[in-house]
């Protein structure tokens, strides 16, 4: 059948239309920004991904987040952590590669902090109930009795069988203080696998950024002013491909007889930490490291905390004290900006009184 000039023009118009649609779709896909929020790991999480595979990357990330929660939540009866706790003092529990790795890393940071971070602190935290209805000050005898079963050295790790065993039948472990960091790292792996070059992962305040912002500039992360309402920053830091994790006394607390009791419990006393630090931020390549370090250094105090962090390659920290002093370790000194003139920068040098 011969093609008339009129038909040829129609065909050309259709082809042009298809080309324009393809250009439009391709252009849009390059600039796609997908944002999803999901409650998991005991907190609200947000994943923001830029790129043509953003939808796929976010879908896979949410699936992984739920998988980790199902394995590591101490509140889910059939999680691997709950099974370990139920078998405490009885027999070892074989766990998945994910859970084994997280517990192994947790024990590493328990040791590095000399017990300031301890994944067996859960029973003491439960006595206080801070952040929940009915928070209270436990009796001293309750605290002392419960402290007898707080010891990360009682967690037996068997690499050959991928099993975990708690030596004391009353012991319990809780990896909530490090699982979010592991989850953030796993989500980053998924995002990178999908060819994404720009993303922001926010797991309950644990921030991990992939690459730069879409315009090629570094991400600016605000560090909460621990003495003010949520959303008011003491400083900001400029980062690319980094994790930013903060532990602060402003997260959960209650008042009793005009005294404030926060949720970061010192394993050596059974009471909320009373070090001079009120905010500890860890900047690292891997979020699991930031999560594993932030609680311990908060409790250790400025001198020991700075000494520890300066000795770990690829890890930096920012500490804010009760007296509104800001201490910053070597590697991050050129990448932060004080946004509140009430705080004083001390150049990372701490002098003991």
Protein backbone atom coordinates (compact mmCIF):
# COMPACT_ATOMS: atom_id res chain seq x y z
CA UNK A 1 0.00 0.00 0.00
CA UNK A 2 1.42 3.34 -1.05
CA UNK A 3 1.94 5.91 1.67
CA UNK A 4 0.40 9.26 0.85
CA UNK A 5 2.00 12.54 1.82
CA UNK A 6 -0.83 13.04 4.33
CA UNK A 7 -0.18 9.62 5.93
CA UNK A 8 3.55 10.27 5.97
CA UNK A 9 3.00 13.54 7.81
CA UNK A 10 0.75 11.78 10.34
CA UNK A 11 3.36 9.04 10.91
CA UNK A 12 6.12 11.63 11.33
CA UNK A 13 3.97 13.55 13.80
CA UNK A 14 3.32 10.38 15.84
CA UNK A 15 7.02 9.50 15.84
CA UNK A 16 7.92 13.03 16.93
CA UNK A 17 5.32 12.78 19.71
CA UNK A 18 6.77 9.47 20.89
CA UNK A 19 10.31 10.92 20.88
CA UNK A 20 9.15 13.91 22.90
CA UNK A 21 7.44 11.62 25.42
CA UNK A 22 10.62 9.54 25.77
CA UNK A 23 12.71 12.67 26.27
CA UNK A 24 10.25 13.92 28.88
CA UNK A 25 10.17 10.60 30.73
CA UNK A 26 13.95 10.21 30.62
CA UNK A 27 14.47 13.77 31.82
CA UNK A 28 11.99 13.30 34.64
CA UNK A 29 13.49 9.98 35.70
CA UNK A 30 16.88 11.59 36.11
CA UNK A 31 15.37 14.11 38.48
CA UNK A 32 12.95 11.77 40.26
CA UNK A 33 12.85 12.26 44.02
CA UNK A 34 11.07 9.56 46.01
CA UNK A 35 10.40 10.14 49.71
CA UNK A 36 8.95 7.44 51.95
CA UNK A 37 8.31 7.30 55.69
CA UNK A 38 7.95 4.07 57.63
CA UNK A 39 7.75 3.17 61.32
CA UNK A 40 10.30 0.46 62.09
CA UNK A 41 13.03 -0.32 64.63
CA UNK A 42 10.93 1.52 67.22
CA UNK A 43 11.08 4.88 65.45
CA UNK A 44 9.88 6.89 62.45
CA UNK A 45 12.22 6.60 59.48
CA UNK A 46 12.49 8.59 56.26
CA UNK A 47 14.20 7.58 53.03
CA UNK A 48 14.76 10.21 50.32
CA UNK A 49 16.26 9.01 47.03
CA UNK A 50 17.05 10.85 43.79
CA UNK A 51 17.43 9.15 40.40
CA UNK A 52 15.71 7.05 37.74
CA UNK A 53 15.76 3.91 39.93
CA UNK A 54 14.57 5.75 43.03
CA UNK A 55 11.25 3.91 43.32
CA UNK A 56 12.91 0.49 43.10
CA UNK A 57 15.66 1.45 45.54
CA UNK A 58 13.17 2.74 48.11
CA UNK A 59 10.97 -0.37 47.79
CA UNK A 60 13.94 -2.68 48.37
CA UNK A 61 15.14 -0.48 51.25
CA UNK A 62 11.81 -0.69 53.05
CA UNK A 63 11.75 -4.47 52.64
CA UNK A 64 15.25 -4.70 54.15
CA UNK A 65 14.33 -2.38 57.02
CA UNK A 66 11.34 -4.56 57.93
CA UNK A 67 13.50 -7.69 57.67
CA UNK A 68 16.06 -6.27 60.10
CA UNK A 69 13.32 -5.16 62.50
CA UNK A 70 11.79 -8.65 62.46
CA UNK A 71 15.16 -10.18 63.32
CA UNK A 72 16.46 -7.68 65.87
CA UNK A 73 13.53 -6.11 67.71
CA UNK A 74 13.50 -7.03 71.39
CA UNK A 75 9.77 -6.25 71.42
CA UNK A 76 8.80 -8.89 68.85
CA UNK A 77 8.25 -12.30 70.40
CA UNK A 78 9.63 -14.28 67.48
CA UNK A 79 12.65 -12.11 66.67
CA UNK A 80 16.11 -13.61 66.92
CA UNK A 81 16.95 -11.27 69.80
CA UNK A 82 13.88 -12.44 71.74
CA UNK A 83 14.85 -16.06 71.12
CA UNK A 84 18.36 -15.40 72.46
CA UNK A 85 16.87 -13.83 75.58
CA UNK A 86 14.43 -16.72 76.11
CA UNK A 87 17.33 -19.19 75.94
CA UNK A 88 19.50 -17.19 78.37
CA UNK A 89 21.31 -19.54 80.75
CA UNK A 90 19.87 -22.55 78.89
CA UNK A 91 21.48 -23.00 75.48
CA UNK A 92 22.99 -21.05 72.56
CA UNK A 93 20.71 -19.70 69.85
CA UNK A 94 21.75 -19.92 66.20
CA UNK A 95 21.05 -16.62 64.42
CA UNK A 96 21.22 -15.12 60.94
CA UNK A 97 24.31 -13.53 59.45
CA UNK A 98 22.76 -10.08 59.99
CA UNK A 99 22.06 -10.53 63.69
CA UNK A 100 25.38 -12.26 64.38
CA UNK A 101 27.29 -9.39 62.74
CA UNK A 102 25.41 -6.72 64.70
CA UNK A 103 25.98 -8.45 68.05
CA UNK A 104 29.64 -9.00 67.22
CA UNK A 105 30.09 -5.29 66.41
CA UNK A 106 28.14 -4.31 69.52
CA UNK A 107 30.48 -6.34 71.74
CA UNK A 108 33.44 -4.63 70.05
CA UNK A 109 32.12 -1.21 71.09
CA UNK A 110 31.17 -2.42 74.55
CA UNK A 111 34.82 -3.36 74.97
CA UNK A 112 36.22 -0.17 73.39
CA UNK A 113 34.12 1.97 75.73
CA UNK A 114 35.06 -0.24 78.70
CA UNK A 115 31.43 -1.04 79.35
CA UNK A 116 30.06 2.49 79.07
CA UNK A 117 28.04 1.05 76.18
CA UNK A 118 26.58 -2.32 77.20
CA UNK A 119 23.96 -4.26 75.25
CA UNK A 120 22.86 -6.06 78.44
CA UNK A 121 21.69 -2.82 80.13
CA UNK A 122 18.08 -3.43 79.05
CA UNK A 123 16.73 -4.75 82.40
CA UNK A 124 17.94 -1.59 84.19
CA UNK A 125 16.47 0.65 81.47
CA UNK A 126 13.15 -1.18 81.94
CA UNK A 127 13.18 -0.36 85.67
CA UNK A 128 13.18 3.35 84.86
CA UNK A 129 10.72 3.19 81.96
CA UNK A 130 11.89 6.58 80.68
CA UNK A 131 9.98 7.63 77.58
CA UNK A 132 7.00 5.50 78.56
CA UNK A 133 3.94 6.09 80.67
CA UNK A 134 4.70 5.43 84.31
CA UNK A 135 8.38 6.41 84.24
CA UNK A 136 9.80 6.31 87.78
CA UNK A 137 12.91 6.37 89.94
CA UNK A 138 13.58 2.75 90.95
CA UNK A 139 14.53 1.88 94.50
CA UNK A 140 18.27 1.61 95.09
CA UNK A 141 17.98 -2.08 95.97
CA UNK A 142 16.15 -2.74 92.66
CA UNK A 143 18.93 -1.07 90.73
CA UNK A 144 21.74 -2.83 92.60
CA UNK A 145 20.09 -6.23 92.19
CA UNK A 146 19.49 -5.72 88.48
CA UNK A 147 23.02 -4.43 87.87
CA UNK A 148 24.29 -7.91 88.81
CA UNK A 149 23.13 -9.22 85.44
CA UNK A 150 24.51 -6.30 83.40
CA UNK A 151 27.76 -7.46 81.85
CA UNK A 152 28.44 -7.67 78.12
CA UNK A 153 31.25 -10.15 78.89
CA UNK A 154 28.53 -12.75 79.61
CA UNK A 155 27.55 -12.72 75.92
CA UNK A 156 29.21 -15.77 74.36
CA UNK A 157 29.75 -15.59 70.59
CA UNK A 158 30.47 -18.79 68.67
CA UNK A 159 31.69 -17.99 65.15
CA UNK A 160 31.75 -21.64 64.09
CA UNK A 161 28.03 -22.14 64.74
CA UNK A 162 26.87 -18.51 64.31
CA UNK A 163 25.30 -18.78 67.75
CA UNK A 164 24.83 -16.43 70.68
CA UNK A 165 24.55 -17.49 74.31
CA UNK A 166 23.82 -15.50 77.48
CA UNK A 167 25.49 -17.10 80.49
CA UNK A 168 23.03 -15.74 83.07
CA UNK A 169 19.43 -16.97 82.81
CA UNK A 170 18.06 -13.55 83.78
CA UNK A 171 20.09 -11.64 81.23
CA UNK A 172 18.71 -9.93 78.16
CA UNK A 173 20.36 -8.18 75.26
CA UNK A 174 18.99 -5.26 73.30
CA UNK A 175 20.68 -4.15 70.07
CA UNK A 176 18.40 -1.13 69.64
CA UNK A 177 21.43 1.07 70.30
CA UNK A 178 23.25 -0.20 67.21
CA UNK A 179 20.74 -1.89 64.87
CA UNK A 180 19.65 1.40 63.28
CA UNK A 181 23.26 2.02 62.26
CA UNK A 182 23.50 -1.39 60.64
CA UNK A 183 20.17 -0.83 58.89
CA UNK A 184 21.34 2.52 57.49
CA UNK A 185 24.47 0.89 56.06
CA UNK A 186 22.41 -1.89 54.46
CA UNK A 187 20.03 0.64 52.92
CA UNK A 188 22.98 2.55 51.48
CA UNK A 189 24.23 -0.67 49.86
CA UNK A 190 20.84 -1.18 48.23
CA UNK A 191 20.73 2.42 47.03
CA UNK A 192 24.22 2.24 45.51
CA UNK A 193 23.42 -1.11 43.87
CA UNK A 194 20.58 0.67 42.05
CA UNK A 195 22.96 3.25 40.61
CA UNK A 196 21.73 6.07 42.87
CA UNK A 197 24.22 8.88 43.45
CA UNK A 198 22.22 11.10 45.81
CA UNK A 199 20.13 10.02 48.80
CA UNK A 200 19.40 10.77 52.43
CA UNK A 201 18.56 8.10 54.99
CA UNK A 202 17.10 9.26 58.30
CA UNK A 203 16.44 6.45 60.77
CA UNK A 204 14.97 8.15 63.81
CA UNK A 205 17.57 10.92 63.72
CA UNK A 206 20.46 8.72 62.61
CA UNK A 207 21.50 10.38 59.36
CA UNK A 208 23.40 8.76 56.50
CA UNK A 209 23.94 10.65 53.24
CA UNK A 210 24.81 9.06 49.92
CA UNK A 211 26.99 11.22 47.68
CA UNK A 212 26.20 14.91 47.47
CA UNK A 213 22.94 16.78 47.12
CA UNK A 214 21.49 16.69 43.61
CA UNK A 215 23.16 20.00 42.75
CA UNK A 216 26.59 18.59 43.60
CA UNK A 217 27.04 20.44 46.91
CA UNK A 218 27.65 18.71 50.27
CA UNK A 219 24.75 17.87 52.56
CA UNK A 220 24.30 20.17 55.57
CA UNK A 221 23.22 18.32 58.70
CA UNK A 222 21.96 20.25 61.70
CA UNK A 223 23.02 19.18 65.20
CA UNK A 224 20.22 19.70 67.69
CA UNK A 225 20.68 22.32 70.41
CA UNK A 226 20.35 19.97 73.42
CA UNK A 227 19.05 22.81 75.59
CA UNK A 228 16.18 23.87 73.32
CA UNK A 229 13.13 22.58 71.49
CA UNK A 230 13.41 20.07 68.65
CA UNK A 231 14.50 21.65 65.37
CA UNK A 232 16.69 24.35 66.93
CA UNK A 233 20.33 23.74 66.01
CA UNK A 234 23.55 24.46 67.88
CA UNK A 235 25.65 23.93 64.75
CA UNK A 236 25.65 22.41 61.28
CA UNK A 237 28.15 20.13 59.59
CA UNK A 238 28.91 19.72 55.89
CA UNK A 239 29.27 16.09 54.77
CA UNK A 240 29.50 13.83 51.70
CA UNK A 241 29.05 10.04 51.95
CA UNK A 242 28.98 10.12 55.73
CA UNK A 243 26.91 8.96 58.69
CA UNK A 244 25.96 11.41 61.44
CA UNK A 245 24.65 9.89 64.68
CA UNK A 246 23.85 11.87 67.82
CA UNK A 247 23.07 10.78 71.38
CA UNK A 248 21.59 13.47 73.59
CA UNK A 249 19.86 13.90 76.92
CA UNK A 250 16.98 15.75 75.23
CA UNK A 251 15.55 12.67 73.50
CA UNK A 252 13.59 11.05 76.36
CA UNK A 253 13.32 12.23 79.95
CA UNK A 254 11.02 13.00 82.88
CA UNK A 255 11.07 15.33 85.88
CA UNK A 256 10.79 14.33 89.52
CA UNK A 257 11.15 16.82 92.40
CA UNK A 258 12.47 19.42 89.95
CA UNK A 259 15.25 17.11 88.75
CA UNK A 260 15.51 15.90 85.16
CA UNK A 261 16.15 12.21 84.50
CA UNK A 262 17.15 11.31 80.91
CA UNK A 263 17.19 7.91 79.19
CA UNK A 264 20.96 7.31 78.76
CA UNK A 265 21.71 4.98 81.66
CA UNK A 266 25.27 4.53 82.92
CA UNK A 267 25.86 0.75 83.27
CA UNK A 268 28.24 1.26 86.17
CA UNK A 269 25.70 3.14 88.33
CA UNK A 270 22.27 2.18 87.01
CA UNK A 271 21.33 5.88 86.93
CA UNK A 272 21.15 8.39 84.05
CA UNK A 273 24.65 9.48 83.01
CA UNK A 274 25.93 12.57 84.78
CA UNK A 275 29.00 13.26 82.67
CA UNK A 276 29.57 16.82 81.46
CA UNK A 277 28.49 15.80 77.95
CA UNK A 278 24.86 16.51 77.00
CA UNK A 279 25.22 15.77 73.27
CA UNK A 280 27.63 13.43 71.47
CA UNK A 281 27.72 13.29 67.66
CA UNK A 282 29.75 10.71 65.75
CA UNK A 283 30.67 11.33 62.09
CA UNK A 284 31.82 8.14 60.34
CA UNK A 285 31.89 6.24 57.07
CA UNK A 286 29.69 3.49 58.50
CA UNK A 287 26.59 4.23 60.53
CA UNK A 288 26.96 1.10 62.66
CA UNK A 289 30.19 2.62 64.02
CA UNK A 290 28.46 5.89 64.83
CA UNK A 291 25.63 4.08 66.58
CA UNK A 292 28.00 1.83 68.51
CA UNK A 293 30.15 4.74 69.70
CA UNK A 294 27.73 7.60 70.41
CA UNK A 295 26.17 6.22 73.62
CA UNK A 296 29.46 5.02 75.09
CA UNK A 297 31.37 8.28 74.54
CA UNK A 298 28.42 10.25 75.95
CA UNK A 299 28.82 8.37 79.23
CA UNK A 300 32.65 8.28 79.24
CA UNK A 301 33.07 12.05 79.55
CA UNK A 302 34.98 14.57 77.43
CA UNK A 303 38.59 13.61 78.15
CA UNK A 304 38.19 9.87 77.59
CA UNK A 305 35.79 10.36 74.70
CA UNK A 306 38.11 12.63 72.70
CA UNK A 307 41.06 10.31 73.37
CA UNK A 308 39.07 7.31 72.13
CA UNK A 309 37.71 8.94 68.97
CA UNK A 310 41.04 10.49 67.94
CA UNK A 311 42.45 6.96 68.00
CA UNK A 312 39.91 5.52 65.53
CA UNK A 313 40.66 6.06 61.86
CA UNK A 314 37.86 7.55 59.77
CA UNK A 315 35.76 8.54 62.78
CA UNK A 316 35.22 12.03 64.20
CA UNK A 317 33.06 13.53 66.91
CA UNK A 318 31.43 16.70 68.17
CA UNK A 319 30.65 17.05 71.87
CA UNK A 320 28.49 19.67 73.57
CA UNK A 321 28.81 20.12 77.34
CA UNK A 322 26.54 21.43 80.10
CA UNK A 323 28.56 24.65 80.08
CA UNK A 324 27.78 25.18 76.35
CA UNK A 325 31.26 24.34 75.17
CA UNK A 326 31.76 22.56 71.84
CA UNK A 327 34.66 20.13 71.35
CA UNK A 328 35.46 18.86 67.86
CA UNK A 329 37.95 16.16 66.86
CA UNK A 330 40.64 16.75 64.25
CA UNK A 331 39.04 15.47 61.06
CA UNK A 332 35.84 17.53 61.18
CA UNK A 333 37.18 20.94 62.30
CA UNK A 334 36.94 22.50 58.84
CA UNK A 335 33.43 21.21 58.14
CA UNK A 336 31.21 22.62 60.88
CA UNK A 337 29.58 25.98 61.59
CA UNK A 338 28.26 27.21 64.91
CA UNK A 339 24.74 28.58 64.37
CA UNK A 340 24.11 29.66 67.96
CA UNK A 341 26.43 32.22 69.56
CA UNK A 342 25.56 30.90 73.03
CA UNK A 343 28.01 28.07 72.40
CA UNK A 344 31.80 28.38 72.60
CA UNK A 345 34.13 26.43 70.33
CA UNK A 346 37.04 24.94 72.30
CA UNK A 347 39.13 23.74 69.29
CA UNK A 348 38.87 20.12 70.42
CA UNK A 349 41.20 20.68 73.38
CA UNK A 350 39.91 19.63 76.77
CA UNK A 351 41.65 20.65 79.96
CA UNK A 352 40.68 18.75 83.09
CA UNK A 353 39.81 20.95 86.03
